[in-house]
């Protein structure tokens, strides 16, 4: 059974002026959606009151012969708002509750999701999951399951987070202020967009190995995008900012600084020349520059890739896979970072995992199934988009650690190359082949930044590029992002300091 969004509403509002737009908001939005009156807010909390029901379910699965039974309960409250030019054009709230039930037998597992949280609904879902493994409930059988321990509650201090978030009108006003600032600081702008998303989630995880944990998560993100055109010249620039666990994030957002940053980049790239293709050294800027490591290397260090046989690093534990300048971390504990969480979606507390230390592969990113099938110890990395997905080994906050150099030293070490200030979209193959567009780039000439260039694409393969990262700067910064994989789309952080790649293929004209 698959869960369908409950009460999803899409509102499209058009107005010729800010005054008329707000009148339309007053007419349509008040009666349609108010965050503190949401379905989820009124719903029963996912807490220790569920313990007797969950214990019966877990015992029932063990009696059928399952080695382990896991139940994941969640409820969500989502709001997204889109501003285009000086108008709110879309408001999308979503609410829901559901459960995902997974059973293990040996190294195999069966998974079923449902939005029917009644006793009968959960029993039916359990029986379906058991049947995938050829198991049936034995009503007369006795289970070795001894019950759940006391609830490990990470949500105690988070109960009021949803109420503390900005309501719809406040979020709309902040976004419209952002698009107005884009108009103030930008030139030749044909499109100005601002977006806001707020995701609140409550989860309860119980398993027959004694796991019993609860958490509340809150993610908010703000994005600004522009399209600038002047005759044949054009540039498209976007920036997104996001945090977790901070209800006041939108209120504290420095819209003016963000608008200036976006408009400055758009203006610079509008008249940039196209880059010539070739093999050359490159410096990748901090923050979102880390998306290449995340995509091209980070995924190859997930035990899911070992199970599939698609990672070249599966037999490289305690061997060198990168330059000695590279130390890489995956963790879920940095305060406010997009990929941070108190416990993962299998109920394991978050931790810090050193993936690569001075170029040597030290550990893989592992979940419950990964540990079972590959032998690599769990790292608190079992993650899923929602209850409709089984958890899988996924990244959290993943970044290359800070080094000893300044960004200027990295640039000064290159006679001719490319400086990649911000990255755009790209694609990654199953074994780490990648190509990523450079959204904002500059030539490096005789150790100094030169003219801006556009149309550059970085092309390579993880196992070849990692040994060529020879210098890391001191200026580590993180950036909020989203990652799609086998268990859906999840919140993650990418990051790095400025890094130097000695040689990489640059696609251009």
Protein backbone atom coordinates (compact mmCIF):
# COMPACT_ATOMS: atom_id res chain seq x y z
CA UNK A 1 0.00 0.00 0.00
CA UNK A 2 1.22 3.46 -0.85
CA UNK A 3 0.49 6.66 0.99
CA UNK A 4 -1.26 9.56 -0.72
CA UNK A 5 -0.85 13.14 0.44
CA UNK A 6 -3.76 14.26 2.61
CA UNK A 7 -5.36 17.59 2.04
CA UNK A 8 -2.92 18.86 -0.56
CA UNK A 9 -3.90 22.30 -1.83
CA UNK A 10 -2.42 24.26 -4.75
CA UNK A 11 -3.19 27.94 -5.00
CA UNK A 12 -2.23 30.06 -7.98
CA UNK A 13 -2.56 33.75 -7.39
CA UNK A 14 -2.09 36.45 -9.98
CA UNK A 15 -2.31 40.17 -9.47
CA UNK A 16 -1.27 43.31 -11.27
CA UNK A 17 0.07 44.94 -8.14
CA UNK A 18 1.27 44.10 -4.66
CA UNK A 19 -1.89 45.67 -3.23
CA UNK A 20 -4.20 43.49 -5.30
CA UNK A 21 -2.10 40.42 -4.58
CA UNK A 22 -2.47 40.85 -0.84
CA UNK A 23 -6.20 41.34 -1.27
CA UNK A 24 -6.33 38.02 -3.07
CA UNK A 25 -4.35 36.43 -0.25
CA UNK A 26 -6.87 37.72 2.25
CA UNK A 27 -9.72 36.38 0.16
CA UNK A 28 -8.37 32.92 -0.55
CA UNK A 29 -5.63 31.90 1.84
CA UNK A 30 -7.14 32.56 5.25
CA UNK A 31 -9.92 30.03 4.80
CA UNK A 32 -7.71 27.48 3.07
CA UNK A 33 -4.57 27.09 5.13
CA UNK A 34 -3.40 28.24 8.53
CA UNK A 35 -0.30 26.43 9.85
CA UNK A 36 -1.41 26.25 13.48
CA UNK A 37 -4.71 24.62 12.43
CA UNK A 38 -3.16 21.89 10.31
CA UNK A 39 -4.24 18.29 10.34
CA UNK A 40 -0.91 17.18 11.74
CA UNK A 41 -0.92 19.73 14.52
CA UNK A 42 -4.25 18.31 15.70
CA UNK A 43 -3.16 14.70 15.27
CA UNK A 44 -2.12 12.42 18.10
CA UNK A 45 1.57 12.72 18.93
CA UNK A 46 3.81 9.80 18.06
CA UNK A 47 5.06 9.00 21.55
CA UNK A 48 5.22 6.26 24.20
CA UNK A 49 1.42 5.79 24.07
CA UNK A 50 2.10 3.73 20.94
CA UNK A 51 4.30 1.26 22.85
CA UNK A 52 1.71 -1.48 23.61
CA UNK A 53 0.45 -1.49 20.02
CA UNK A 54 3.98 -1.59 18.62
CA UNK A 55 5.06 -4.37 20.96
CA UNK A 56 2.18 -6.57 19.84
CA UNK A 57 3.10 -5.91 16.21
CA UNK A 58 6.79 -6.69 16.72
CA UNK A 59 6.01 -9.87 18.66
CA UNK A 60 3.62 -10.94 15.92
CA UNK A 61 6.34 -10.61 13.30
CA UNK A 62 8.90 -12.48 15.39
CA UNK A 63 6.41 -15.30 16.00
CA UNK A 64 6.11 -15.68 12.23
CA UNK A 65 9.85 -16.39 12.07
CA UNK A 66 11.30 -13.01 11.12
CA UNK A 67 14.80 -12.33 12.46
CA UNK A 68 13.98 -8.65 12.98
CA UNK A 69 10.88 -6.48 12.62
CA UNK A 70 11.03 -2.68 12.25
CA UNK A 71 8.14 -0.19 12.33
CA UNK A 72 8.57 3.43 11.20
CA UNK A 73 5.73 5.88 11.96
CA UNK A 74 5.69 9.46 10.73
CA UNK A 75 3.53 12.52 10.33
CA UNK A 76 4.44 15.52 8.24
CA UNK A 77 3.41 19.13 7.70
CA UNK A 78 4.83 20.81 4.59
CA UNK A 79 4.45 24.32 3.21
CA UNK A 80 6.04 25.81 0.08
CA UNK A 81 5.59 29.31 -1.30
CA UNK A 82 6.72 30.69 -4.66
CA UNK A 83 7.12 34.37 -5.52
CA UNK A 84 7.61 35.46 -9.13
CA UNK A 85 8.45 39.09 -9.83
CA UNK A 86 6.26 40.90 -7.24
CA UNK A 87 3.51 38.31 -6.91
CA UNK A 88 2.93 35.17 -4.85
CA UNK A 89 2.06 32.66 -7.55
CA UNK A 90 1.91 29.37 -5.69
CA UNK A 91 1.19 28.15 -2.18
CA UNK A 92 1.37 24.41 -1.53
CA UNK A 93 0.58 22.90 1.87
CA UNK A 94 0.66 19.14 2.45
CA UNK A 95 -0.17 16.97 5.45
CA UNK A 96 0.07 13.27 6.13
CA UNK A 97 0.54 10.28 8.43
CA UNK A 98 1.72 6.78 7.65
CA UNK A 99 3.84 3.77 8.54
CA UNK A 100 6.56 1.70 6.91
CA UNK A 101 7.05 -1.89 8.10
CA UNK A 102 10.17 -3.91 7.27
CA UNK A 103 11.01 -7.49 8.20
CA UNK A 104 14.34 -9.30 7.86
CA UNK A 105 15.06 -12.99 7.34
CA UNK A 106 18.73 -13.75 6.88
CA UNK A 107 20.05 -11.11 4.48
CA UNK A 108 16.69 -10.60 2.81
CA UNK A 109 14.05 -8.06 3.74
CA UNK A 110 10.44 -7.25 2.88
CA UNK A 111 8.95 -3.77 3.11
CA UNK A 112 5.37 -2.44 2.96
CA UNK A 113 4.01 1.06 3.63
CA UNK A 114 0.49 2.15 4.60
CA UNK A 115 -1.40 5.21 5.77
CA UNK A 116 -3.86 3.06 7.75
CA UNK A 117 -2.57 3.29 11.34
CA UNK A 118 -5.38 1.27 12.89
CA UNK A 119 -4.58 -2.08 14.52
CA UNK A 120 -6.07 -3.88 11.55
CA UNK A 121 -4.22 -1.72 9.02
CA UNK A 122 -0.82 -2.22 10.64
CA UNK A 123 -1.38 -5.99 11.04
CA UNK A 124 -2.33 -6.25 7.38
CA UNK A 125 0.80 -4.37 6.31
CA UNK A 126 2.95 -6.61 8.53
CA UNK A 127 1.44 -9.75 7.03
CA UNK A 128 2.14 -8.44 3.53
CA UNK A 129 5.79 -7.78 4.41
CA UNK A 130 6.13 -11.24 5.95
CA UNK A 131 4.60 -12.87 2.89
CA UNK A 132 7.37 -11.37 0.74
CA UNK A 133 9.76 -13.63 2.62
CA UNK A 134 7.47 -16.67 2.62
CA UNK A 135 6.50 -16.19 6.29
CA UNK A 136 3.08 -16.47 7.90
CA UNK A 137 1.83 -15.42 11.33
CA UNK A 138 1.48 -18.32 13.75
CA UNK A 139 -1.35 -17.34 16.09
CA UNK A 140 -0.46 -20.13 18.50
CA UNK A 141 3.27 -19.52 18.43
CA UNK A 142 5.39 -17.95 21.12
CA UNK A 143 7.80 -15.09 20.44
CA UNK A 144 11.25 -14.52 21.91
CA UNK A 145 10.60 -10.77 21.77
CA UNK A 146 10.73 -9.35 25.32
CA UNK A 147 9.20 -5.93 24.74
CA UNK A 148 10.54 -2.43 24.10
CA UNK A 149 12.68 -0.39 26.49
CA UNK A 150 11.72 3.10 27.64
CA UNK A 151 11.30 5.53 24.77
CA UNK A 152 14.43 7.43 23.80
CA UNK A 153 12.81 10.78 23.10
CA UNK A 154 14.86 13.33 21.13
CA UNK A 155 11.77 15.48 20.55
CA UNK A 156 11.12 16.71 24.10
CA UNK A 157 12.49 20.21 23.47
CA UNK A 158 11.13 20.40 19.92
CA UNK A 159 7.38 20.11 20.54
CA UNK A 160 6.63 23.76 19.75
CA UNK A 161 8.84 24.14 16.69
CA UNK A 162 5.97 24.14 14.20
CA UNK A 163 4.08 26.86 16.05
CA UNK A 164 7.22 29.00 16.20
CA UNK A 165 7.65 29.01 12.41
CA UNK A 166 6.46 31.99 10.35
CA UNK A 167 2.86 31.78 9.23
CA UNK A 168 1.91 32.09 5.59
CA UNK A 169 1.54 35.88 5.46
CA UNK A 170 4.91 36.46 7.10
CA UNK A 171 6.63 33.98 4.76
CA UNK A 172 5.00 35.66 1.75
CA UNK A 173 6.11 39.12 2.87
CA UNK A 174 9.70 37.98 3.35
CA UNK A 175 9.82 36.38 -0.11
CA UNK A 176 8.32 39.45 -1.78
CA UNK A 177 10.90 41.60 -0.01
CA UNK A 178 13.57 39.34 -1.54
CA UNK A 179 12.26 39.64 -5.11
CA UNK A 180 11.93 43.43 -4.68
CA UNK A 181 15.57 43.60 -3.58
CA UNK A 182 16.55 41.64 -6.69
CA UNK A 183 14.87 44.33 -8.75
CA UNK A 184 16.69 47.01 -6.76
CA UNK A 185 20.20 45.58 -7.13
CA UNK A 186 19.97 43.76 -10.47
CA UNK A 187 20.17 44.95 -14.07
CA UNK A 188 18.63 43.49 -17.22
CA UNK A 189 16.59 41.05 -15.12
CA UNK A 190 13.82 39.32 -17.03
CA UNK A 191 12.89 36.87 -14.27
CA UNK A 192 13.00 37.26 -10.49
CA UNK A 193 11.96 34.33 -8.31
CA UNK A 194 11.94 33.61 -4.61
CA UNK A 195 10.94 30.33 -2.96
CA UNK A 196 10.40 29.16 0.60
CA UNK A 197 9.88 25.63 1.89
CA UNK A 198 9.14 24.45 5.42
CA UNK A 199 9.16 20.75 6.26
CA UNK A 200 8.11 19.53 9.72
CA UNK A 201 8.29 15.83 10.47
CA UNK A 202 7.65 13.71 13.56
CA UNK A 203 8.95 10.12 13.53
CA UNK A 204 8.72 7.13 15.85
CA UNK A 205 10.91 4.07 15.20
CA UNK A 206 10.53 0.71 16.96
CA UNK A 207 12.33 -2.55 16.20
CA UNK A 208 12.48 -5.98 17.76
CA UNK A 209 16.18 -5.52 18.61
CA UNK A 210 15.14 -3.02 21.30
CA UNK A 211 15.19 0.15 19.22
CA UNK A 212 12.57 2.64 20.39
CA UNK A 213 13.14 6.29 19.52
CA UNK A 214 11.26 9.46 18.63
CA UNK A 215 12.32 12.67 16.96
CA UNK A 216 10.95 15.89 15.44
CA UNK A 217 12.74 17.43 12.46
CA UNK A 218 12.32 20.89 10.99
CA UNK A 219 13.88 22.07 7.73
CA UNK A 220 13.47 25.50 6.14
CA UNK A 221 15.04 26.74 2.92
CA UNK A 222 14.95 29.97 0.93
CA UNK A 223 15.95 30.34 -2.70
CA UNK A 224 16.53 33.30 -5.03
CA UNK A 225 16.84 32.93 -8.81
CA UNK A 226 17.29 35.44 -11.62
CA UNK A 227 17.52 35.41 -15.40
CA UNK A 228 19.36 38.36 -16.94
CA UNK A 229 19.32 39.08 -20.67
CA UNK A 230 20.73 41.82 -22.87
CA UNK A 231 20.44 41.15 -26.57
CA UNK A 232 22.28 37.88 -27.25
CA UNK A 233 23.78 37.83 -23.77
CA UNK A 234 22.14 35.88 -20.96
CA UNK A 235 22.93 34.52 -17.52
CA UNK A 236 20.94 32.48 -15.05
CA UNK A 237 21.98 32.41 -11.38
CA UNK A 238 20.38 30.79 -8.36
CA UNK A 239 21.24 30.50 -4.69
CA UNK A 240 19.58 28.47 -1.92
CA UNK A 241 20.01 28.83 1.81
CA UNK A 242 18.73 26.33 4.37
CA UNK A 243 18.90 25.21 7.99
CA UNK A 244 17.48 22.55 10.26
CA UNK A 245 16.05 22.94 13.75
CA UNK A 246 15.75 26.74 13.64
CA UNK A 247 12.15 28.01 13.57
CA UNK A 248 13.29 31.66 13.22
CA UNK A 249 15.45 30.97 10.16
CA UNK A 250 13.28 32.86 7.66
CA UNK A 251 12.89 35.82 10.03
CA UNK A 252 16.67 36.10 10.43
CA UNK A 253 17.42 35.67 6.72
CA UNK A 254 19.57 38.53 5.38
CA UNK A 255 17.57 39.08 2.20
CA UNK A 256 19.59 42.12 1.16
CA UNK A 257 22.95 40.34 1.27
CA UNK A 258 21.50 37.35 -0.60
CA UNK A 259 19.96 39.57 -3.29
CA UNK A 260 23.22 41.47 -3.75
CA UNK A 261 25.16 38.20 -4.10
CA UNK A 262 22.81 36.80 -6.75
CA UNK A 263 22.64 40.06 -8.72
CA UNK A 264 26.39 40.58 -8.65
CA UNK A 265 26.99 37.09 -10.05
CA UNK A 266 24.31 37.52 -12.72
CA UNK A 267 25.77 40.85 -13.82
CA UNK A 268 29.29 39.47 -13.98
CA UNK A 269 28.32 36.40 -16.02
CA UNK A 270 25.99 38.25 -18.39
CA UNK A 271 28.81 39.42 -20.67
CA UNK A 272 31.33 36.64 -19.94
CA UNK A 273 33.14 34.92 -22.83
CA UNK A 274 32.86 31.20 -23.42
CA UNK A 275 35.67 29.08 -22.06
CA UNK A 276 37.91 26.99 -24.31
CA UNK A 277 37.88 23.26 -23.68
CA UNK A 278 40.99 21.45 -22.48
CA UNK A 279 42.86 19.72 -19.68
CA UNK A 280 43.88 22.15 -16.96
CA UNK A 281 44.22 22.67 -13.20
CA UNK A 282 41.23 24.10 -11.38
CA UNK A 283 40.33 25.67 -8.06
CA UNK A 284 36.85 24.85 -6.78
CA UNK A 285 35.35 27.32 -4.32
CA UNK A 286 34.02 26.35 -0.90
CA UNK A 287 30.39 25.73 0.10
CA UNK A 288 28.47 24.30 -2.87
CA UNK A 289 31.66 23.32 -4.66
CA UNK A 290 31.41 20.26 -2.42
CA UNK A 291 28.57 18.91 -4.54
CA UNK A 292 31.11 17.20 -6.81
CA UNK A 293 32.60 15.22 -3.90
CA UNK A 294 29.09 14.38 -2.68
CA UNK A 295 27.91 13.13 -6.05
CA UNK A 296 31.02 11.63 -7.57
CA UNK A 297 32.64 10.09 -4.48
CA UNK A 298 30.25 10.21 -1.51
CA UNK A 299 27.67 7.92 -3.13
CA UNK A 300 30.41 5.41 -3.92
CA UNK A 301 31.11 5.13 -0.19
CA UNK A 302 27.54 4.07 0.67
CA UNK A 303 27.12 0.36 1.37
CA UNK A 304 24.23 0.35 -1.11
CA UNK A 305 26.87 0.72 -3.84
CA UNK A 306 28.85 -2.19 -2.45
CA UNK A 307 25.71 -4.34 -2.55
CA UNK A 308 25.17 -3.35 -6.18
CA UNK A 309 28.81 -3.91 -7.11
CA UNK A 310 29.05 -0.39 -8.61
CA UNK A 311 31.76 1.22 -6.46
CA UNK A 312 35.47 0.96 -7.37
CA UNK A 313 36.28 1.42 -3.66
CA UNK A 314 34.62 -1.74 -2.28
CA UNK A 315 37.97 -3.51 -1.65
CA UNK A 316 39.96 -0.36 -0.82
CA UNK A 317 39.38 -0.11 2.95
CA UNK A 318 42.55 1.15 4.68
CA UNK A 319 44.11 1.89 1.28
CA UNK A 320 44.88 5.20 -0.36
CA UNK A 321 42.10 6.44 -2.69
CA UNK A 322 42.86 10.17 -2.61
CA UNK A 323 45.74 12.63 -2.22
CA UNK A 324 47.12 12.85 1.33
CA UNK A 325 45.74 16.41 1.49
CA UNK A 326 42.19 15.02 1.54
CA UNK A 327 40.26 14.16 4.69
CA UNK A 328 36.52 13.67 4.21
CA UNK A 329 33.78 13.56 6.85
CA UNK A 330 30.15 12.47 6.95
CA UNK A 331 28.22 13.42 10.09
CA UNK A 332 24.78 14.34 11.35
CA UNK A 333 25.69 16.49 14.35
CA UNK A 334 26.57 20.01 13.14
CA UNK A 335 24.10 22.41 14.73
CA UNK A 336 21.66 23.83 12.18
CA UNK A 337 23.13 22.01 9.17
CA UNK A 338 20.61 20.70 6.63
CA UNK A 339 21.69 17.07 7.00
CA UNK A 340 21.81 17.01 10.81
CA UNK A 341 19.40 14.83 12.78
CA UNK A 342 19.27 13.53 16.35
CA UNK A 343 18.66 9.96 15.17
CA UNK A 344 18.48 8.35 11.78
CA UNK A 345 15.37 6.73 10.30
CA UNK A 346 16.32 3.40 11.88
CA UNK A 347 16.43 4.94 15.37
CA UNK A 348 20.23 5.12 15.70
CA UNK A 349 21.73 8.25 17.22
CA UNK A 350 23.72 10.45 14.86
CA UNK A 351 27.50 10.41 14.91
CA UNK A 352 30.60 11.66 13.11
CA UNK A 353 32.14 9.31 10.57
CA UNK A 354 35.61 9.84 9.07
CA UNK A 355 35.36 8.45 5.54
CA UNK A 356 38.82 9.36 4.26
CA UNK A 357 41.77 10.36 6.44
CA UNK A 358 44.86 11.82 4.76
CA UNK A 359 43.85 10.10 1.54
CA UNK A 360 43.20 6.67 3.13
CA UNK A 361 39.70 5.14 3.03
CA UNK A 362 38.66 4.52 6.65
CA UNK A 363 34.94 3.74 6.66
CA UNK A 364 31.82 3.34 4.56
CA UNK A 365 28.41 4.91 5.12
CA UNK A 366 26.23 2.08 6.40
CA UNK A 367 22.65 1.38 7.47
CA UNK A 368 21.04 -1.71 9.01
CA UNK A 369 20.80 -3.64 5.73
CA UNK A 370 24.30 -2.51 4.73
CA UNK A 371 25.79 -3.89 7.93
CA UNK A 372 23.93 -7.18 7.46
CA UNK A 373 24.95 -7.65 3.83
CA UNK A 374 28.43 -6.13 3.69
CA UNK A 375 29.73 -6.41 7.26
CA UNK A 376 30.44 -2.66 7.50
CA UNK A 377 29.31 -1.28 10.86
CA UNK A 378 26.24 0.99 10.97
CA UNK A 379 27.04 4.70 11.07
CA UNK A 380 23.64 6.23 11.89
CA UNK A 381 23.06 6.75 8.17
CA UNK A 382 19.80 4.87 7.53
CA UNK A 383 17.67 7.53 5.84
CA UNK A 384 14.47 7.79 3.81
CA UNK A 385 12.30 10.49 2.28
CA UNK A 386 9.16 9.25 4.00
CA UNK A 387 7.43 6.14 5.34
CA UNK A 388 6.80 5.01 1.76
CA UNK A 389 10.52 4.14 1.40
CA UNK A 390 12.66 1.61 3.23
CA UNK A 391 15.72 3.22 4.80
CA UNK A 392 19.04 2.96 2.95
CA UNK A 393 22.64 4.06 3.53
CA UNK A 394 22.63 7.78 2.73
CA UNK A 395 24.84 10.80 3.36
CA UNK A 396 24.09 13.51 5.94
CA UNK A 397 26.54 16.44 6.17
CA UNK A 398 29.34 15.37 3.84
CA UNK A 399 32.42 17.49 3.22
CA UNK A 400 36.14 17.67 2.63
CA UNK A 401 37.82 18.95 5.79
CA UNK A 402 39.74 22.23 6.02
CA UNK A 403 43.43 22.29 5.14
CA UNK A 404 46.33 24.62 5.87
CA UNK A 405 46.35 27.01 2.91
CA UNK A 406 44.61 30.24 1.96
CA UNK A 407 42.46 30.43 -1.20
CA UNK A 408 44.97 32.92 -2.59
CA UNK A 409 47.77 30.37 -2.24
CA UNK A 410 45.81 27.83 -4.27
CA UNK A 411 45.20 30.34 -7.06
CA UNK A 412 48.80 31.60 -6.97
CA UNK A 413 50.08 28.03 -7.57
CA UNK A 414 48.42 27.88 -11.02
CA UNK A 415 49.89 29.49 -14.14
CA UNK A 416 46.80 28.91 -16.29
CA UNK A 417 43.60 27.26 -15.17
CA UNK A 418 39.99 27.71 -14.12
CA UNK A 419 38.45 29.11 -10.95
CA UNK A 420 34.99 27.65 -10.30
CA UNK A 421 33.18 30.03 -7.96
CA UNK A 422 29.81 28.25 -8.08
CA UNK A 423 28.53 25.00 -9.57
CA UNK A 424 25.37 24.32 -11.54
CA UNK A 425 23.64 21.09 -12.47
CA UNK A 426 25.28 17.89 -13.58
CA UNK A 427 25.07 14.13 -13.85
CA UNK A 428 26.90 11.19 -12.30
CA UNK A 429 27.29 7.65 -13.62
CA UNK A 430 26.93 4.53 -11.46
CA UNK A 431 30.70 4.11 -10.93
CA UNK A 432 31.58 7.78 -10.36
CA UNK A 433 31.84 9.30 -13.85
CA UNK A 434 30.63 12.90 -13.63
CA UNK A 435 30.06 16.12 -15.50
CA UNK A 436 29.07 19.34 -13.75
CA UNK A 437 28.35 22.74 -15.19
CA UNK A 438 30.22 25.72 -13.76
CA UNK A 439 27.62 28.41 -13.04
CA UNK A 440 30.17 31.15 -12.35
CA UNK A 441 33.78 30.75 -13.49
CA UNK A 442 36.96 32.79 -14.03
CA UNK A 443 40.22 32.14 -15.81
CA UNK A 444 43.35 31.89 -13.69
CA UNK A 445 46.29 33.54 -15.44
CA UNK A 446 49.79 33.67 -13.94
CA UNK A 447 48.52 33.04 -10.45
CA UNK A 448 45.77 35.65 -10.49
CA UNK A 449 42.06 35.70 -11.26
CA UNK A 450 41.33 36.82 -14.80
CA UNK A 451 38.21 37.43 -16.85
CA UNK A 452 34.87 35.69 -16.20
CA UNK A 453 33.99 32.74 -18.45
CA UNK A 454 30.85 30.70 -19.00
CA UNK A 455 29.92 27.40 -20.60
CA UNK A 456 32.51 25.40 -18.64
CA UNK A 457 31.81 21.80 -17.65
CA UNK A 458 33.99 19.72 -15.31
CA UNK A 459 34.32 16.14 -16.57
CA UNK A 460 36.02 13.27 -14.81
CA UNK A 461 35.84 10.12 -12.74
CA UNK A 462 36.02 10.00 -8.95
CA UNK A 463 38.82 7.43 -8.71
CA UNK A 464 40.97 9.57 -11.04
CA UNK A 465 40.17 13.03 -9.64
CA UNK A 466 40.47 12.28 -5.91
CA UNK A 467 44.27 11.69 -6.06
CA UNK A 468 44.63 15.04 -7.87
CA UNK A 469 43.17 17.19 -5.07
CA UNK A 470 46.56 18.41 -3.88
CA UNK A 471 45.71 21.48 -1.77
CA UNK A 472 42.88 22.38 0.62
CA UNK A 473 42.31 25.83 2.07
CA UNK A 474 41.32 26.76 5.63
CA UNK A 475 37.88 28.18 4.72
CA UNK A 476 35.50 25.22 5.08
CA UNK A 477 31.86 26.19 4.49
CA UNK A 478 28.70 24.10 4.17
CA UNK A 479 25.70 24.49 1.87
CA UNK A 480 22.17 23.09 2.07
CA UNK A 481 21.07 20.67 -0.62
CA UNK A 482 18.78 17.80 -1.57
CA UNK A 483 19.85 14.31 -2.58
CA UNK A 484 17.83 11.80 -4.56
CA UNK A 485 18.62 8.09 -4.43
CA UNK A 486 17.14 4.67 -3.71
CA UNK A 487 15.25 5.82 -0.59
CA UNK A 488 13.88 9.04 -2.11
CA UNK A 489 14.83 12.71 -1.76
CA UNK A 490 16.42 13.72 1.53
CA UNK A 491 17.95 16.82 3.13
CA UNK A 492 21.74 16.89 3.02
CA UNK A 493 24.65 19.27 3.40
CA UNK A 494 27.55 19.49 0.96
CA UNK A 495 30.71 21.41 1.61
CA UNK A 496 34.44 21.88 1.38
CA UNK A 497 37.10 24.56 1.64
CA UNK A 498 38.60 25.92 -1.54
CA UNK A 499 40.41 22.96 -3.16
CA UNK A 500 42.94 22.66 -5.97
CA UNK A 501 42.63 19.88 -8.55
CA UNK A 502 45.96 19.49 -10.36
CA UNK A 503 44.35 18.42 -13.63
CA UNK A 504 40.76 17.98 -14.81
CA UNK A 505 38.98 17.91 -18.16
CA UNK A 506 37.12 21.15 -18.83
CA UNK A 507 34.44 21.03 -21.49
CA UNK A 508 33.71 24.22 -23.39
CA UNK A 509 33.55 25.43 -26.94
